[in-house]
C-alpha atoms as a PDB file:
ATOM      1  CA  UNK A   1      -6.489  10.659  -9.293  1.00  0.00           C
ATOM      2  CA  UNK A   2      -5.982  14.431  -8.716  1.00  0.00           C
ATOM      3  CA  UNK A   3      -7.156  16.822  -6.302  1.00  0.00           C
ATOM      4  CA  UNK A   4      -5.535  19.897  -7.141  1.00  0.00           C
ATOM      5  CA  UNK A   5      -5.784  24.075  -6.328  1.00  0.00           C
ATOM      6  CA  UNK A   6      -3.121  25.657  -8.836  1.00  0.00           C
ATOM      7  CA  UNK A   7      -2.026  29.413  -8.952  1.00  0.00           C
ATOM      8  CA  UNK A   8      -4.925  30.655  -7.056  1.00  0.00           C
ATOM      9  CA  UNK A   9      -5.819  32.300  -3.952  1.00  0.00           C
ATOM     10  CA  UNK A  10      -8.038  30.874  -1.463  1.00  0.00           C
ATOM     11  CA  UNK A  11     -10.087  32.759   1.376  1.00  0.00           C
ATOM     12  CA  UNK A  12     -12.664  30.316   2.661  1.00  0.00           C
ATOM     13  CA  UNK A  13     -14.920  31.207   5.209  1.00  0.00           C
ATOM     14  CA  UNK A  14     -15.425  27.626   6.673  1.00  0.00           C
ATOM     15  CA  UNK A  15     -12.809  24.648   6.254  1.00  0.00           C
ATOM     16  CA  UNK A  16     -10.513  23.861   3.070  1.00  0.00           C
ATOM     17  CA  UNK A  17     -10.580  20.226   2.539  1.00  0.00           C
ATOM     18  CA  UNK A  18      -8.580  18.976  -0.464  1.00  0.00           C
ATOM     19  CA  UNK A  19      -8.944  15.043  -0.873  1.00  0.00           C
ATOM     20  CA  UNK A  20      -7.643  12.518  -3.280  1.00  0.00           C
ATOM     21  CA  UNK A  21      -9.206   9.175  -2.809  1.00  0.00           C
ATOM     22  CA  UNK A  22      -8.633   6.269  -5.320  1.00  0.00           C
ATOM     23  CA  UNK A  23      -8.689   2.267  -4.810  1.00  0.00           C
ATOM     24  CA  UNK A  24      -7.808  -0.354  -7.195  1.00  0.00           C
ATOM     25  CA  UNK A  25      -8.793  -3.979  -6.508  1.00  0.00           C
ATOM     26  CA  UNK A  26      -8.025  -7.306  -8.576  1.00  0.00           C
ATOM     27  CA  UNK A  27      -9.994 -10.491  -7.403  1.00  0.00           C
ATOM     28  CA  UNK A  28      -8.716 -13.514  -9.198  1.00  0.00           C
ATOM     29  CA  UNK A  29      -9.725 -16.881  -8.950  1.00  0.00           C
ATOM     30  CA  UNK A  30      -7.775 -19.381 -11.707  1.00  0.00           C
ATOM     31  CA  UNK A  31      -8.064 -23.212 -10.837  1.00  0.00           C
ATOM     32  CA  UNK A  32      -7.176 -26.300 -13.172  1.00  0.00           C
ATOM     33  CA  UNK A  33      -7.161 -29.961 -12.816  1.00  0.00           C
ATOM     34  CA  UNK A  34      -6.239 -33.178 -14.580  1.00  0.00           C
ATOM     35  CA  UNK A  35      -6.747 -36.798 -14.193  1.00  0.00           C
ATOM     36  CA  UNK A  36      -5.561 -39.698 -15.943  1.00  0.00           C
ATOM     37  CA  UNK A  37      -6.239 -43.548 -15.480  1.00  0.00           C
ATOM     38  CA  UNK A  38      -4.459 -46.202 -17.201  1.00  0.00           C
ATOM     39  CA  UNK A  39      -5.850 -50.103 -16.901  1.00  0.00           C
ATOM     40  CA  UNK A  40      -4.259 -53.260 -18.556  1.00  0.00           C
ATOM     41  CA  UNK A  41      -3.669 -56.725 -18.190  1.00  0.00           C
ATOM     42  CA  UNK A  42       0.130 -56.688 -18.582  1.00  0.00           C
ATOM     43  CA  UNK A  43       1.461 -53.169 -18.156  1.00  0.00           C
ATOM     44  CA  UNK A  44       0.125 -49.521 -17.673  1.00  0.00           C
ATOM     45  CA  UNK A  45       1.362 -46.078 -17.830  1.00  0.00           C
ATOM     46  CA  UNK A  46      -0.535 -42.957 -16.777  1.00  0.00           C
ATOM     47  CA  UNK A  47       0.764 -39.614 -16.644  1.00  0.00           C
ATOM     48  CA  UNK A  48      -0.900 -36.216 -15.362  1.00  0.00           C
ATOM     49  CA  UNK A  49       0.342 -33.076 -15.510  1.00  0.00           C
ATOM     50  CA  UNK A  50      -1.717 -29.624 -14.307  1.00  0.00           C
ATOM     51  CA  UNK A  51      -0.259 -26.390 -13.965  1.00  0.00           C
ATOM     52  CA  UNK A  52      -1.422 -22.648 -13.826  1.00  0.00           C
ATOM     53  CA  UNK A  53       0.129 -19.282 -14.043  1.00  0.00           C
ATOM     54  CA  UNK A  54      -1.511 -15.981 -12.798  1.00  0.00           C
ATOM     55  CA  UNK A  55       0.097 -12.604 -12.879  1.00  0.00           C
ATOM     56  CA  UNK A  56      -1.704  -9.738 -11.194  1.00  0.00           C
ATOM     57  CA  UNK A  57      -0.492  -5.841 -11.379  1.00  0.00           C
ATOM     58  CA  UNK A  58      -1.912  -2.432 -10.207  1.00  0.00           C
ATOM     59  CA  UNK A  59      -0.029   0.948 -10.955  1.00  0.00           C
ATOM     60  CA  UNK A  60      -1.669   3.878 -10.094  1.00  0.00           C
ATOM     61  CA  UNK A  61      -0.731   7.596  -9.074  1.00  0.00           C
ATOM     62  CA  UNK A  62      -2.846   9.870  -6.692  1.00  0.00           C
ATOM     63  CA  UNK A  63      -2.220  13.364  -5.767  1.00  0.00           C
ATOM     64  CA  UNK A  64      -3.706  16.195  -3.739  1.00  0.00           C
ATOM     65  CA  UNK A  65      -1.582  19.237  -3.893  1.00  0.00           C
ATOM     66  CA  UNK A  66      -1.760  23.241  -3.708  1.00  0.00           C
ATOM     67  CA  UNK A  67       0.521  24.644  -6.347  1.00  0.00           C
ATOM     68  CA  UNK A  68       1.936  28.098  -6.907  1.00  0.00           C
ATOM     69  CA  UNK A  69       4.798  30.153  -8.141  1.00  0.00           C
ATOM     70  CA  UNK A  70       7.392  30.248  -5.160  1.00  0.00           C
ATOM     71  CA  UNK A  71       8.601  33.684  -6.091  1.00  0.00           C
ATOM     72  CA  UNK A  72       5.069  35.087  -5.521  1.00  0.00           C
ATOM     73  CA  UNK A  73       3.215  32.845  -3.259  1.00  0.00           C
ATOM     74  CA  UNK A  74      -0.846  32.910  -3.244  1.00  0.00           C
ATOM     75  CA  UNK A  75      -2.535  33.167   0.052  1.00  0.00           C
ATOM     76  CA  UNK A  76      -4.587  30.213   1.036  1.00  0.00           C
ATOM     77  CA  UNK A  77      -6.641  30.934   4.235  1.00  0.00           C
ATOM     78  CA  UNK A  78      -9.415  28.867   5.935  1.00  0.00           C
ATOM     79  CA  UNK A  79     -10.505  28.181   9.642  1.00  0.00           C
ATOM     80  CA  UNK A  80      -8.755  24.431   8.788  1.00  0.00           C
ATOM     81  CA  UNK A  81      -6.855  23.231   6.048  1.00  0.00           C
ATOM     82  CA  UNK A  82      -6.567  19.884   4.893  1.00  0.00           C
ATOM     83  CA  UNK A  83      -4.773  18.485   2.099  1.00  0.00           C
ATOM     84  CA  UNK A  84      -4.450  14.654   1.736  1.00  0.00           C
ATOM     85  CA  UNK A  85      -4.095  11.953  -0.620  1.00  0.00           C
ATOM     86  CA  UNK A  86      -5.361   7.961   0.564  1.00  0.00           C
ATOM     87  CA  UNK A  87      -4.726   5.053  -1.663  1.00  0.00           C
ATOM     88  CA  UNK A  88      -6.216   1.680  -1.005  1.00  0.00           C
ATOM     89  CA  UNK A  89      -5.308  -0.943  -3.547  1.00  0.00           C
ATOM     90  CA  UNK A  90      -5.625  -4.736  -2.893  1.00  0.00           C
ATOM     91  CA  UNK A  91      -5.022  -7.922  -4.884  1.00  0.00           C
ATOM     92  CA  UNK A  92      -6.890 -11.047  -3.651  1.00  0.00           C
ATOM     93  CA  UNK A  93      -5.643 -14.231  -5.686  1.00  0.00           C
ATOM     94  CA  UNK A  94      -5.942 -17.793  -5.808  1.00  0.00           C
ATOM     95  CA  UNK A  95      -4.199 -19.857  -8.135  1.00  0.00           C
ATOM     96  CA  UNK A  96      -4.493 -23.793  -7.788  1.00  0.00           C
ATOM     97  CA  UNK A  97      -3.512 -26.554  -9.666  1.00  0.00           C
ATOM     98  CA  UNK A  98      -4.777 -30.460  -8.751  1.00  0.00           C
ATOM     99  CA  UNK A  99      -3.433 -33.357 -10.770  1.00  0.00           C
ATOM    100  CA  UNK A 100      -4.423 -37.002 -10.286  1.00  0.00           C
ATOM    101  CA  UNK A 101      -3.022 -40.056 -11.995  1.00  0.00           C
ATOM    102  CA  UNK A 102      -3.957 -43.660 -11.314  1.00  0.00           C
ATOM    103  CA  UNK A 103      -2.838 -47.368 -12.963  1.00  0.00           C
ATOM    104  CA  UNK A 104      -4.156 -50.453 -12.776  1.00  0.00           C
ATOM    105  CA  UNK A 105      -2.240 -53.400 -13.995  1.00  0.00           C
ATOM    106  CA  UNK A 106      -1.859 -57.270 -13.942  1.00  0.00           C
ATOM    107  CA  UNK A 107       1.698 -56.926 -13.634  1.00  0.00           C
ATOM    108  CA  UNK A 108       3.632 -53.488 -14.078  1.00  0.00           C
ATOM    109  CA  UNK A 109       1.967 -50.096 -13.419  1.00  0.00           C
ATOM    110  CA  UNK A 110       3.140 -46.718 -13.301  1.00  0.00           C
ATOM    111  CA  UNK A 111       1.507 -43.431 -12.425  1.00  0.00           C
ATOM    112  CA  UNK A 112       3.176 -39.999 -12.400  1.00  0.00           C
ATOM    113  CA  UNK A 113       1.224 -36.676 -11.369  1.00  0.00           C
ATOM    114  CA  UNK A 114       2.440 -33.208 -11.308  1.00  0.00           C
ATOM    115  CA  UNK A 115       0.889 -30.217 -10.067  1.00  0.00           C
ATOM    116  CA  UNK A 116       2.413 -26.658 -10.404  1.00  0.00           C
ATOM    117  CA  UNK A 117       0.808 -23.433  -9.288  1.00  0.00           C
ATOM    118  CA  UNK A 118       2.327 -20.192  -9.493  1.00  0.00           C
ATOM    119  CA  UNK A 119       1.332 -16.482  -8.836  1.00  0.00           C
ATOM    120  CA  UNK A 120       2.603 -12.884  -8.860  1.00  0.00           C
ATOM    121  CA  UNK A 121       1.185 -10.271  -7.446  1.00  0.00           C
ATOM    122  CA  UNK A 122       2.506  -6.545  -7.381  1.00  0.00           C
ATOM    123  CA  UNK A 123       1.043  -3.147  -6.321  1.00  0.00           C
ATOM    124  CA  UNK A 124       2.751   0.355  -7.352  1.00  0.00           C
ATOM    125  CA  UNK A 125       1.122   3.073  -6.120  1.00  0.00           C
ATOM    126  CA  UNK A 126       2.674   6.617  -5.910  1.00  0.00           C
ATOM    127  CA  UNK A 127       0.638   9.086  -3.345  1.00  0.00           C
ATOM    128  CA  UNK A 128       1.467  12.430  -2.962  1.00  0.00           C
ATOM    129  CA  UNK A 129      -0.034  15.090  -0.747  1.00  0.00           C
ATOM    130  CA  UNK A 130       1.871  18.720  -0.793  1.00  0.00           C
ATOM    131  CA  UNK A 131       1.450  22.357  -1.011  1.00  0.00           C
ATOM    132  CA  UNK A 132       4.220  24.557  -2.638  1.00  0.00           C
ATOM    133  CA  UNK A 133       4.323  27.911  -3.601  1.00  0.00           C
ATOM    134  CA  UNK A 134       1.655  29.090  -1.286  1.00  0.00           C
ATOM    135  CA  UNK A 135       1.250  30.655   2.217  1.00  0.00           C
ATOM    136  CA  UNK A 136      -1.015  28.722   4.190  1.00  0.00           C
ATOM    137  CA  UNK A 137      -3.021  30.034   6.847  1.00  0.00           C
ATOM    138  CA  UNK A 138      -5.311  27.576   9.408  1.00  0.00           C
ATOM    139  CA  UNK A 139      -7.074  30.650  11.073  1.00  0.00           C
ATOM    140  CA  UNK A 140      -8.431  28.549  13.993  1.00  0.00           C
ATOM    141  CA  UNK A 141      -8.162  24.734  13.298  1.00  0.00           C
ATOM    142  CA  UNK A 142      -5.510  22.122  11.967  1.00  0.00           C
ATOM    143  CA  UNK A 143      -3.002  22.363   9.169  1.00  0.00           C
ATOM    144  CA  UNK A 144      -3.041  18.907   7.885  1.00  0.00           C
ATOM    145  CA  UNK A 145      -0.913  17.678   4.753  1.00  0.00           C
ATOM    146  CA  UNK A 146      -0.506  14.003   4.546  1.00  0.00           C
ATOM    147  CA  UNK A 147      -0.522  10.720   2.319  1.00  0.00           C
ATOM    148  CA  UNK A 148      -1.571   7.219   3.306  1.00  0.00           C
ATOM    149  CA  UNK A 149      -1.418   4.247   1.100  1.00  0.00           C
ATOM    150  CA  UNK A 150      -3.704   1.180   2.456  1.00  0.00           C
ATOM    151  CA  UNK A 151      -4.924   3.101   5.123  1.00  0.00           C
ATOM    152  CA  UNK A 152      -1.265   3.445   6.617  1.00  0.00           C
ATOM    153  CA  UNK A 153      -0.092   7.163   7.119  1.00  0.00           C
ATOM    154  CA  UNK A 154       3.236   7.618   5.161  1.00  0.00           C
ATOM    155  CA  UNK A 155       4.739   9.856   7.237  1.00  0.00           C
ATOM    156  CA  UNK A 156       3.557  12.092  10.590  1.00  0.00           C
ATOM    157  CA  UNK A 157       4.954  15.175  11.755  1.00  0.00           C
ATOM    158  CA  UNK A 158       3.505  18.763  12.713  1.00  0.00           C
ATOM    159  CA  UNK A 159       4.653  21.838  12.156  1.00  0.00           C
ATOM    160  CA  UNK A 160       4.953  22.727  16.277  1.00  0.00           C
ATOM    161  CA  UNK A 161       6.946  19.341  16.173  1.00  0.00           C
ATOM    162  CA  UNK A 162       9.426  20.261  13.597  1.00  0.00           C
ATOM    163  CA  UNK A 163       9.878  24.339  14.676  1.00  0.00           C
ATOM    164  CA  UNK A 164      10.503  22.776  18.238  1.00  0.00           C
ATOM    165  CA  UNK A 165      13.706  21.054  16.386  1.00  0.00           C
ATOM    166  CA  UNK A 166      14.727  23.784  14.130  1.00  0.00           C
ATOM    167  CA  UNK A 167      13.279  21.793  11.171  1.00  0.00           C
ATOM    168  CA  UNK A 168      11.993  24.096   8.291  1.00  0.00           C
ATOM    169  CA  UNK A 169       8.934  23.111   5.704  1.00  0.00           C
ATOM    170  CA  UNK A 170      11.949  23.266   3.229  1.00  0.00           C
ATOM    171  CA  UNK A 171      13.964  20.634   5.108  1.00  0.00           C
ATOM    172  CA  UNK A 172      10.864  18.817   5.536  1.00  0.00           C
ATOM    173  CA  UNK A 173      10.024  18.658   1.819  1.00  0.00           C
ATOM    174  CA  UNK A 174      13.667  18.139   0.718  1.00  0.00           C
ATOM    175  CA  UNK A 175      13.288  15.161   3.097  1.00  0.00           C
ATOM    176  CA  UNK A 176      10.167  13.592   1.924  1.00  0.00           C
ATOM    177  CA  UNK A 177      11.612  13.896  -1.346  1.00  0.00           C
ATOM    178  CA  UNK A 178      15.216  12.350  -0.881  1.00  0.00           C
ATOM    179  CA  UNK A 179      16.499   9.662  -3.360  1.00  0.00           C
ATOM    180  CA  UNK A 180      12.994  10.066  -5.342  1.00  0.00           C
ATOM    181  CA  UNK A 181      12.754   8.759  -8.536  1.00  0.00           C
ATOM    182  CA  UNK A 182      10.461   9.696 -10.937  1.00  0.00           C
ATOM    183  CA  UNK A 183       7.882   6.937 -11.172  1.00  0.00           C
ATOM    184  CA  UNK A 184       5.152   8.959 -13.258  1.00  0.00           C
ATOM    185  CA  UNK A 185       5.048  11.801 -15.664  1.00  0.00           C
ATOM    186  CA  UNK A 186       1.698  13.387 -16.207  1.00  0.00           C
ATOM    187  CA  UNK A 187       0.259  14.761 -19.631  1.00  0.00           C
ATOM    188  CA  UNK A 188       0.753  18.194 -18.239  1.00  0.00           C
ATOM    189  CA  UNK A 189       4.674  17.621 -17.742  1.00  0.00           C
ATOM    190  CA  UNK A 190       4.544  17.150 -13.779  1.00  0.00           C
ATOM    191  CA  UNK A 191       6.428  14.316 -12.525  1.00  0.00           C
ATOM    192  CA  UNK A 192       6.625  12.258  -9.438  1.00  0.00           C
END
């Protein structure tokens, strides 16, 4: 999902809220069971085996961006500005196997029972909130740019805190993207 302002100037009388939200969920219940019974007057053998394998994956990307040309940045002004992306993805999986074996015999009896359950779950979500190539002005309220995954804010810093430590917006952007590898390329040639 994407919420985006691209190469546009904005002068909003009220608040500007650019919010991308995405949710993905998998609920899976995979169960199996077997039973074996062997009966004989002399020798009895029974073997029972049950197995289950479940694999669940969620891949998603989510972005809220204000994009412009760094050489000629557009003015974005509002009472308050919020650029946020929030991803809420979850996997709820139950995989179970039950096996029962019984042997009844007058002499020798053998019963073997095997149960195996394997479940693999993965969530790969890229969440991006950014403003680049634009001059942002929050006239009376806050300027909030943030991304969260599963309700947890991925980073939290205010411009006032950064400025007091002599950290520039360019340094914050470089830090946020340090070591970043491309995990998604859009149909419009954007990568993140």
